[in-house]
């Protein structure tokens, strides 16, 4: 958003931001995927299930907490992204 006042900028071009974001996301994504599936290859299915269930559980808790906050503060979602 170009309307936001930024006291400093780390990246000078939008392209460099996109490249850094994609590289970081791919690296972290592959690390997470291989961390989750590695126990399955060594026949430790319980660890794999817990590694999947943990982040899902905390995601649900965070979304519920955020929804409760929005309702209690009557926050209006003025995001340009439309919810479906």
Foldseek 3Di string as FASTA:
>chain_A
DVVDDDPDDDDDDPVVVVVVVVVVCVVVVVVLVCVLCVVVVVVNVVSNVCSVVVVVVVVVVVVVVVVVVCVVVVDDPPDPDDDD
